[in-house]
Amino acid sequence: MNRLLMARMNVDPQHEGEFNEWYDGEHMRQASAIPGFGKNHRRYRALPFQGDYWTYLPNPEYTAIYDIERDAALLDAINSDQYKAWSGDFLERWRDRTSDEVSTICEQIFGEESPIPYETVLIAQMNVREGREEEFNSWYNDEHIPQASRIPGFGSDHRRFRAIELRGKYWHYRAVPRYTALYEIHPEADVLSAINSDEYRAWSGDFLARWREGTTDEVSTICRKIY
């Protein structure tokens, strides 16, 4: 079972260059020193796409996905001195220059369990209304994800994660948003053609017809790897 920490945020455009240089260098190196964290960390930047059936906004613009080892003791990891230094450095340097920061620790509930491979990815996050999670998960895994693989330009390596609640000494990870889906898009795909296709229209329309009233706080972005 894969586990990961996902951190999403926007940054003050005036400091974007400095932020990315620091994040890709110092911050990523510090993350790999945390007990229980792996080294396969990635960063993505969201891009805007105005499709016929859905508009993808670059908000949040930046997503970091941190690899966590399968046998890691999560609470020990986020209570460690290395984690304290890593999270504290972020807060000291960037708390006032970033916004809309949401971090979740997630366990994989569907899909291949190899390291995250995506160069281009659609990230869909949402909460599900109380009492409908079992129905939602069954439909999502058995119908919605296979349907996504038929969209031109989409791959077949799609995965889903469920956030867990974890309160440490230095950070409280809440299980909100509860669910995250990662959809593989081929690196060479024409994204606009993909989201304007009949297959995409059927896929997104089915979600809206079945689950618009059963889900909340849905945020979807199409992102490209930058680290």
Protein backbone atom coordinates (compact mmCIF):
# COMPACT_ATOMS: atom_id res chain seq x y z
CA MET A 1 0.00 0.00 0.00
CA ASN A 2 1.47 3.31 -1.07
CA ARG A 3 1.35 6.24 1.31
CA LEU A 4 2.16 9.82 0.52
CA LEU A 5 2.08 13.35 1.83
CA MET A 6 0.48 15.81 -0.58
CA ALA A 7 1.07 19.53 -0.08
CA ARG A 8 -0.82 22.00 -2.28
CA MET A 9 -0.51 25.79 -2.25
CA ASN A 10 -0.28 29.05 -4.13
CA VAL A 11 2.68 31.41 -3.86
CA ASP A 12 3.01 35.16 -4.16
CA PRO A 13 3.93 35.67 -7.86
CA GLN A 14 6.60 38.19 -6.88
CA HIS A 15 8.52 35.45 -5.07
CA GLU A 16 7.82 32.51 -7.37
CA GLY A 17 11.36 32.10 -8.69
CA GLU A 18 12.87 32.16 -5.22
CA PHE A 19 10.21 29.78 -3.93
CA ASN A 20 10.79 27.18 -6.64
CA GLU A 21 14.57 27.30 -6.30
CA TRP A 22 14.32 26.81 -2.53
CA TYR A 23 11.63 24.12 -2.77
CA ASP A 24 13.38 22.02 -5.41
CA GLY A 25 16.70 22.26 -3.62
CA GLU A 26 16.80 22.73 0.11
CA HIS A 27 13.25 21.70 1.00
CA MET A 28 13.28 18.46 -0.98
CA ARG A 29 16.67 17.46 0.44
CA GLN A 30 15.38 18.04 3.97
CA ALA A 31 12.29 15.91 3.27
CA SER A 32 14.39 12.90 2.30
CA ALA A 33 16.15 13.05 5.69
CA ILE A 34 12.91 12.60 7.66
CA PRO A 35 12.70 9.09 9.16
CA GLY A 36 10.20 7.02 7.18
CA PHE A 37 10.19 9.32 4.16
CA GLY A 38 11.46 8.01 0.85
CA LYS A 39 13.32 9.88 -1.88
CA ASN A 40 10.84 9.74 -4.78
CA HIS A 41 9.36 13.19 -4.20
CA ARG A 42 7.73 15.13 -7.05
CA ARG A 43 6.35 18.57 -7.74
CA TYR A 44 3.71 19.64 -10.22
CA ARG A 45 2.44 22.93 -11.54
CA ALA A 46 -1.19 23.35 -12.60
CA LEU A 47 -2.02 24.84 -15.99
CA PRO A 48 -5.23 26.49 -17.22
CA PHE A 49 -7.43 24.68 -19.75
CA GLN A 50 -10.73 26.08 -21.02
CA GLY A 51 -12.61 23.10 -22.38
CA ASP A 52 -16.07 22.73 -23.83
CA TYR A 53 -17.31 20.72 -20.83
CA TRP A 54 -15.01 21.73 -17.96
CA THR A 55 -12.66 24.57 -17.09
CA TYR A 56 -9.48 23.67 -15.25
CA LEU A 57 -8.02 26.56 -13.28
CA PRO A 58 -4.45 26.59 -11.91
CA ASN A 59 -5.65 26.77 -8.32
CA PRO A 60 -3.88 25.54 -6.33
CA GLU A 61 -0.96 26.14 -8.65
CA TYR A 62 1.66 23.97 -6.95
CA THR A 63 1.44 20.39 -5.72
CA ALA A 64 4.21 18.45 -4.00
CA ILE A 65 3.89 14.69 -3.54
CA TYR A 66 6.23 13.21 -0.93
CA ASP A 67 7.00 9.52 -0.89
CA ILE A 68 6.50 7.77 2.47
CA GLU A 69 7.93 4.29 3.01
CA ARG A 70 5.36 1.54 3.36
CA ASP A 71 6.50 0.39 6.78
CA ALA A 72 7.08 3.88 8.20
CA ALA A 73 5.74 4.74 11.65
CA LEU A 74 3.86 7.88 10.59
CA LEU A 75 3.50 9.48 13.99
CA ASP A 76 7.17 8.93 14.75
CA ALA A 77 8.04 10.50 11.39
CA ILE A 78 6.10 13.73 11.97
CA ASN A 79 7.29 13.94 15.58
CA SER A 80 10.96 13.63 14.63
CA ASP A 81 13.54 16.39 14.91
CA GLN A 82 14.08 16.21 11.15
CA TYR A 83 10.40 16.81 10.50
CA LYS A 84 10.37 19.69 12.99
CA ALA A 85 13.26 21.37 11.16
CA TRP A 86 11.67 20.75 7.75
CA SER A 87 8.20 22.06 8.57
CA GLY A 88 9.56 24.87 10.72
CA ASP A 89 11.80 26.08 7.92
CA PHE A 90 8.79 26.27 5.59
CA LEU A 91 6.73 28.22 8.11
CA GLU A 92 9.54 30.65 8.88
CA ARG A 93 10.36 31.36 5.24
CA TRP A 94 7.04 31.05 3.42
CA ARG A 95 4.00 31.27 5.69
CA ASP A 96 3.43 34.93 4.74
CA ARG A 97 4.21 34.43 1.06
CA THR A 98 2.06 31.38 0.33
CA SER A 99 -1.71 30.92 0.51
CA ASP A 100 -4.41 28.25 0.39
CA GLU A 101 -2.00 25.64 1.73
CA VAL A 102 -3.59 22.23 2.27
CA SER A 103 -1.54 19.18 3.28
CA THR A 104 -2.84 15.63 3.67
CA ILE A 105 -1.30 12.27 4.47
CA CYS A 106 -2.98 9.65 2.30
CA GLU A 107 -3.18 5.88 1.96
CA GLN A 108 -3.72 4.33 -1.46
CA ILE A 109 -7.05 2.57 -1.91
CA PHE A 110 -7.01 1.80 -5.65
CA GLY A 111 -4.52 1.23 -8.45
CA GLU A 112 -0.94 0.16 -8.98
CA GLU A 113 1.35 0.46 -5.99
CA SER A 114 4.56 1.32 -7.80
CA PRO A 115 6.16 4.75 -7.27
CA ILE A 116 4.22 7.72 -8.66
CA PRO A 117 5.17 7.89 -12.37
CA TYR A 118 3.25 10.81 -13.85
CA GLU A 119 4.67 13.55 -16.04
CA THR A 120 1.17 14.98 -16.64
CA VAL A 121 -1.65 14.26 -14.22
CA LEU A 122 -5.23 15.24 -13.49
CA ILE A 123 -5.67 15.62 -9.74
CA ALA A 124 -9.27 15.46 -8.48
CA GLN A 125 -10.01 15.99 -4.79
CA MET A 126 -13.33 15.97 -2.98
CA ASN A 127 -15.29 15.05 0.10
CA VAL A 128 -18.27 12.68 0.06
CA ARG A 129 -21.47 13.24 1.99
CA GLU A 130 -21.91 11.16 5.10
CA GLY A 131 -23.49 7.78 4.54
CA ARG A 132 -22.59 7.55 0.83
CA GLU A 133 -18.88 6.68 0.93
CA GLU A 134 -19.28 2.96 0.29
CA GLU A 135 -21.55 3.57 -2.70
CA PHE A 136 -19.25 6.29 -4.01
CA ASN A 137 -16.08 4.22 -3.75
CA SER A 138 -17.67 1.23 -5.46
CA TRP A 139 -18.87 3.38 -8.37
CA TYR A 140 -15.61 5.32 -8.63
CA ASN A 141 -13.37 2.26 -8.72
CA ASP A 142 -15.59 0.01 -10.86
CA GLU A 143 -17.09 2.50 -13.33
CA HIS A 144 -15.55 5.94 -13.26
CA ILE A 145 -11.87 4.98 -13.45
CA PRO A 146 -12.27 2.42 -16.28
CA GLN A 147 -14.26 5.04 -18.20
CA ALA A 148 -11.38 7.53 -17.78
CA SER A 149 -9.01 5.14 -19.54
CA ARG A 150 -11.07 5.49 -22.73
CA ILE A 151 -10.50 9.25 -22.97
CA PRO A 152 -8.06 10.03 -25.83
CA GLY A 153 -4.70 11.01 -24.38
CA PHE A 154 -5.40 9.49 -20.95
CA GLY A 155 -3.42 6.49 -19.78
CA SER A 156 -4.58 3.56 -17.69
CA ASP A 157 -2.49 4.07 -14.53
CA HIS A 158 -5.07 5.85 -12.38
CA ARG A 159 -4.90 5.75 -8.59
CA ARG A 160 -6.99 6.80 -5.61
CA PHE A 161 -6.06 7.81 -2.09
CA ARG A 162 -7.91 8.39 1.16
CA ALA A 163 -6.63 10.96 3.65
CA ILE A 164 -6.09 10.00 7.28
CA GLU A 165 -6.20 12.11 10.44
CA LEU A 166 -2.82 12.42 12.14
CA ARG A 167 -2.02 14.85 14.93
CA GLY A 168 1.67 15.30 15.65
CA LYS A 169 3.64 17.62 17.91
CA TYR A 170 4.40 20.04 15.07
CA TRP A 171 1.56 19.63 12.57
CA HIS A 172 -2.02 18.38 12.55
CA TYR A 173 -2.94 16.55 9.34
CA ARG A 174 -6.69 16.52 8.80
CA ALA A 175 -8.54 14.12 6.52
CA VAL A 176 -9.82 16.97 4.36
CA PRO A 177 -10.16 16.62 1.45
CA ARG A 178 -10.99 13.01 2.09
CA TYR A 179 -10.38 11.55 -1.39
CA THR A 180 -7.77 12.23 -4.04
CA ALA A 181 -7.71 10.66 -7.50
CA LEU A 182 -4.66 10.85 -9.77
CA TYR A 183 -5.32 10.26 -13.47
CA GLU A 184 -2.47 9.55 -15.84
CA ILE A 185 -2.33 11.73 -18.97
CA HIS A 186 0.22 10.81 -21.62
CA PRO A 187 3.03 13.38 -21.71
CA GLU A 188 2.61 13.96 -25.45
CA ALA A 189 -1.21 14.22 -25.28
CA ASP A 190 -3.06 17.27 -26.58
CA VAL A 191 -4.84 18.04 -23.31
CA LEU A 192 -7.40 20.40 -24.82
CA SER A 193 -8.42 17.82 -27.43
CA ALA A 194 -8.71 15.23 -24.65
CA ILE A 195 -11.08 17.30 -22.52
CA ASN A 196 -13.12 18.29 -25.57
CA SER A 197 -13.63 14.68 -26.68
CA ASP A 198 -16.93 12.80 -26.61
CA GLU A 199 -15.38 10.29 -24.22
CA TYR A 200 -14.45 13.04 -21.77
CA ARG A 201 -17.92 14.56 -22.07
CA ALA A 202 -19.52 11.21 -21.15
CA TRP A 203 -17.08 10.68 -18.28
CA SER A 204 -17.45 14.09 -16.66
CA GLY A 205 -21.19 14.19 -17.37
CA ASP A 206 -21.71 10.86 -15.62
CA PHE A 207 -19.95 12.19 -12.53
CA LEU A 208 -22.09 15.33 -12.48
CA ALA A 209 -25.34 13.43 -13.01
CA ARG A 210 -24.62 10.90 -10.27
CA TRP A 211 -22.55 12.78 -7.70
CA ARG A 212 -22.91 16.53 -7.94
CA GLU A 213 -25.28 16.39 -4.94
CA GLY A 214 -23.31 13.66 -3.17
CA THR A 215 -19.88 15.31 -3.07
CA THR A 216 -18.53 18.60 -1.76
CA ASP A 217 -15.44 20.80 -2.07
CA GLU A 218 -14.43 19.29 -5.40
CA VAL A 219 -11.19 20.70 -6.83
CA SER A 220 -9.65 19.45 -10.08
CA THR A 221 -6.41 20.56 -11.71
CA ILE A 222 -4.33 19.37 -14.64
CA CYS A 223 -0.67 19.51 -13.70
CA ARG A 224 2.72 18.98 -15.28
CA LYS A 225 5.80 17.75 -13.46
CA ILE A 226 8.41 20.39 -12.66
CA TYR A 227 10.61 18.35 -10.29
